[in-house]
Amino acid sequence: MRARRYEVIDEDGKLRAYLGGPRFNDSVTLVDENGVERASLRVLAEGTSVLSMADDAGRGRAAIHVNRQGNATLQFYDENGRVSGVFAGTSSIP
């Protein structure tokens, strides 16, 4: 079976998760009971893996990025989408 997008629905027929989609083809997104995208795992074109989490209004609030070299960044965002905190690491730490 092949498709551009796979969807998971609950017992009431509401969308709860999808694989693929309009914004990123390499993504898995979880949707809450109100239809708001709350978490996603995706791989960007340049190879960075991103785990994003949103509040109940769908605003991004935290994200973990890991690039091809293994360097990781944890970012926090305020209610306006501005970076409010960053924790960065590198793959060279023993």
C-alpha atoms as a PDB file:
ATOM      1  CA  MET A   1       0.000   0.000   0.000  1.00  0.00           C
ATOM      2  CA  ARG A   2       1.319   3.457  -0.903  1.00  0.00           C
ATOM      3  CA  ALA A   3      -0.078   6.900  -0.202  1.00  0.00           C
ATOM      4  CA  ARG A   4       1.090  10.462   0.332  1.00  0.00           C
ATOM      5  CA  ARG A   5      -0.717  10.626   3.669  1.00  0.00           C
ATOM      6  CA  TYR A   6      -2.040   8.076   6.160  1.00  0.00           C
ATOM      7  CA  GLU A   7      -4.548   9.088   8.827  1.00  0.00           C
ATOM      8  CA  VAL A   8      -5.512   7.596  12.182  1.00  0.00           C
ATOM      9  CA  ILE A   9      -9.029   8.361  13.382  1.00  0.00           C
ATOM     10  CA  ASP A  10     -10.714   7.687  16.714  1.00  0.00           C
ATOM     11  CA  GLU A  11     -13.982   5.837  17.296  1.00  0.00           C
ATOM     12  CA  ASP A  12     -15.930   9.027  16.482  1.00  0.00           C
ATOM     13  CA  GLY A  13     -14.148   9.492  13.159  1.00  0.00           C
ATOM     14  CA  LYS A  14     -12.016  12.419  14.387  1.00  0.00           C
ATOM     15  CA  LEU A  15      -8.476  12.755  13.063  1.00  0.00           C
ATOM     16  CA  ARG A  16      -5.969  11.902  15.827  1.00  0.00           C
ATOM     17  CA  ALA A  17      -2.702  11.405  13.924  1.00  0.00           C
ATOM     18  CA  TYR A  18      -1.263  11.382  10.440  1.00  0.00           C
ATOM     19  CA  LEU A  19       1.841  10.297   8.603  1.00  0.00           C
ATOM     20  CA  GLY A  20       2.880  12.652   5.803  1.00  0.00           C
ATOM     21  CA  GLY A  21       0.825  15.677   4.994  1.00  0.00           C
ATOM     22  CA  PRO A  22       0.721  19.046   3.338  1.00  0.00           C
ATOM     23  CA  ARG A  23       3.681  20.725   5.057  1.00  0.00           C
ATOM     24  CA  PHE A  24       6.232  17.949   5.510  1.00  0.00           C
ATOM     25  CA  ASN A  25       6.150  14.627   3.709  1.00  0.00           C
ATOM     26  CA  ASP A  26       8.565  13.079   6.220  1.00  0.00           C
ATOM     27  CA  SER A  27       6.491  13.611   9.374  1.00  0.00           C
ATOM     28  CA  VAL A  28       4.290  11.987  11.975  1.00  0.00           C
ATOM     29  CA  THR A  29       1.843  14.374  13.649  1.00  0.00           C
ATOM     30  CA  LEU A  30      -0.405  13.816  16.688  1.00  0.00           C
ATOM     31  CA  VAL A  31      -3.686  15.714  16.938  1.00  0.00           C
ATOM     32  CA  ASP A  32      -5.667  16.313  20.150  1.00  0.00           C
ATOM     33  CA  GLU A  33      -9.405  15.770  20.683  1.00  0.00           C
ATOM     34  CA  ASN A  34     -10.090  19.329  19.461  1.00  0.00           C
ATOM     35  CA  GLY A  35      -8.276  18.822  16.144  1.00  0.00           C
ATOM     36  CA  VAL A  36      -5.190  20.824  17.189  1.00  0.00           C
ATOM     37  CA  GLU A  37      -1.770  19.554  16.070  1.00  0.00           C
ATOM     38  CA  ARG A  38       0.083  19.029  19.357  1.00  0.00           C
ATOM     39  CA  ALA A  39       3.240  17.070  18.512  1.00  0.00           C
ATOM     40  CA  SER A  40       5.181  16.145  15.411  1.00  0.00           C
ATOM     41  CA  LEU A  41       8.310  14.277  14.475  1.00  0.00           C
ATOM     42  CA  ARG A  42       9.814  15.174  11.126  1.00  0.00           C
ATOM     43  CA  VAL A  43      13.000  15.058   9.076  1.00  0.00           C
ATOM     44  CA  LEU A  44      13.865  18.272   7.239  1.00  0.00           C
ATOM     45  CA  ALA A  45      15.299  18.330   3.713  1.00  0.00           C
ATOM     46  CA  GLU A  46      18.868  18.937   4.954  1.00  0.00           C
ATOM     47  CA  GLY A  47      18.626  15.935   7.309  1.00  0.00           C
ATOM     48  CA  THR A  48      17.813  17.560  10.652  1.00  0.00           C
ATOM     49  CA  SER A  49      15.374  15.582  12.828  1.00  0.00           C
ATOM     50  CA  VAL A  50      12.851  17.706  14.737  1.00  0.00           C
ATOM     51  CA  LEU A  51      10.455  16.792  17.556  1.00  0.00           C
ATOM     52  CA  SER A  52       8.005  19.678  18.099  1.00  0.00           C
ATOM     53  CA  MET A  53       5.377  20.145  20.806  1.00  0.00           C
ATOM     54  CA  ALA A  54       2.556  22.694  20.915  1.00  0.00           C
ATOM     55  CA  ASP A  55       0.123  24.037  23.489  1.00  0.00           C
ATOM     56  CA  ASP A  56      -3.643  23.547  23.318  1.00  0.00           C
ATOM     57  CA  ALA A  57      -3.940  26.481  20.893  1.00  0.00           C
ATOM     58  CA  GLY A  58      -1.479  24.830  18.487  1.00  0.00           C
ATOM     59  CA  ARG A  59       1.316  27.318  19.215  1.00  0.00           C
ATOM     60  CA  GLY A  60       4.764  25.745  19.149  1.00  0.00           C
ATOM     61  CA  ARG A  61       6.210  25.751  22.678  1.00  0.00           C
ATOM     62  CA  ALA A  62       9.208  23.394  22.541  1.00  0.00           C
ATOM     63  CA  ALA A  63      11.329  21.661  19.918  1.00  0.00           C
ATOM     64  CA  ILE A  64      14.321  19.349  19.872  1.00  0.00           C
ATOM     65  CA  HIS A  65      16.547  19.525  16.771  1.00  0.00           C
ATOM     66  CA  VAL A  66      19.309  17.029  15.950  1.00  0.00           C
ATOM     67  CA  ASN A  67      21.377  17.700  12.822  1.00  0.00           C
ATOM     68  CA  ARG A  68      23.281  15.189  10.659  1.00  0.00           C
ATOM     69  CA  GLN A  69      26.435  15.720  12.740  1.00  0.00           C
ATOM     70  CA  GLY A  70      24.590  14.770  15.936  1.00  0.00           C
ATOM     71  CA  ASN A  71      24.453  18.271  17.423  1.00  0.00           C
ATOM     72  CA  ALA A  72      21.273  18.769  19.430  1.00  0.00           C
ATOM     73  CA  THR A  73      19.326  21.866  20.437  1.00  0.00           C
ATOM     74  CA  LEU A  74      16.327  22.140  22.758  1.00  0.00           C
ATOM     75  CA  GLN A  75      14.365  25.347  22.193  1.00  0.00           C
ATOM     76  CA  PHE A  76      11.470  26.820  24.154  1.00  0.00           C
ATOM     77  CA  TYR A  77       9.044  29.362  22.681  1.00  0.00           C
ATOM     78  CA  ASP A  78       6.739  31.917  24.303  1.00  0.00           C
ATOM     79  CA  GLU A  79       3.066  32.387  23.381  1.00  0.00           C
ATOM     80  CA  ASN A  80       4.101  34.681  20.506  1.00  0.00           C
ATOM     81  CA  GLY A  81       6.446  32.115  18.951  1.00  0.00           C
ATOM     82  CA  ARG A  82       9.639  33.867  20.052  1.00  0.00           C
ATOM     83  CA  VAL A  83      12.507  31.763  21.379  1.00  0.00           C
ATOM     84  CA  SER A  84      12.452  32.087  25.173  1.00  0.00           C
ATOM     85  CA  GLY A  85      15.200  29.615  26.015  1.00  0.00           C
ATOM     86  CA  VAL A  86      17.793  27.409  24.350  1.00  0.00           C
ATOM     87  CA  PHE A  87      19.872  24.486  25.529  1.00  0.00           C
ATOM     88  CA  ALA A  88      22.474  23.325  22.994  1.00  0.00           C
ATOM     89  CA  GLY A  89      24.806  20.355  22.965  1.00  0.00           C
ATOM     90  CA  THR A  90      27.305  18.897  20.528  1.00  0.00           C
ATOM     91  CA  SER A  91      28.190  15.398  19.445  1.00  0.00           C
ATOM     92  CA  SER A  92      31.761  15.900  20.714  1.00  0.00           C
ATOM     93  CA  ILE A  93      30.881  15.680  24.431  1.00  0.00           C
ATOM     94  CA  PRO A  94      32.396  12.429  25.814  1.00  0.00           C
END
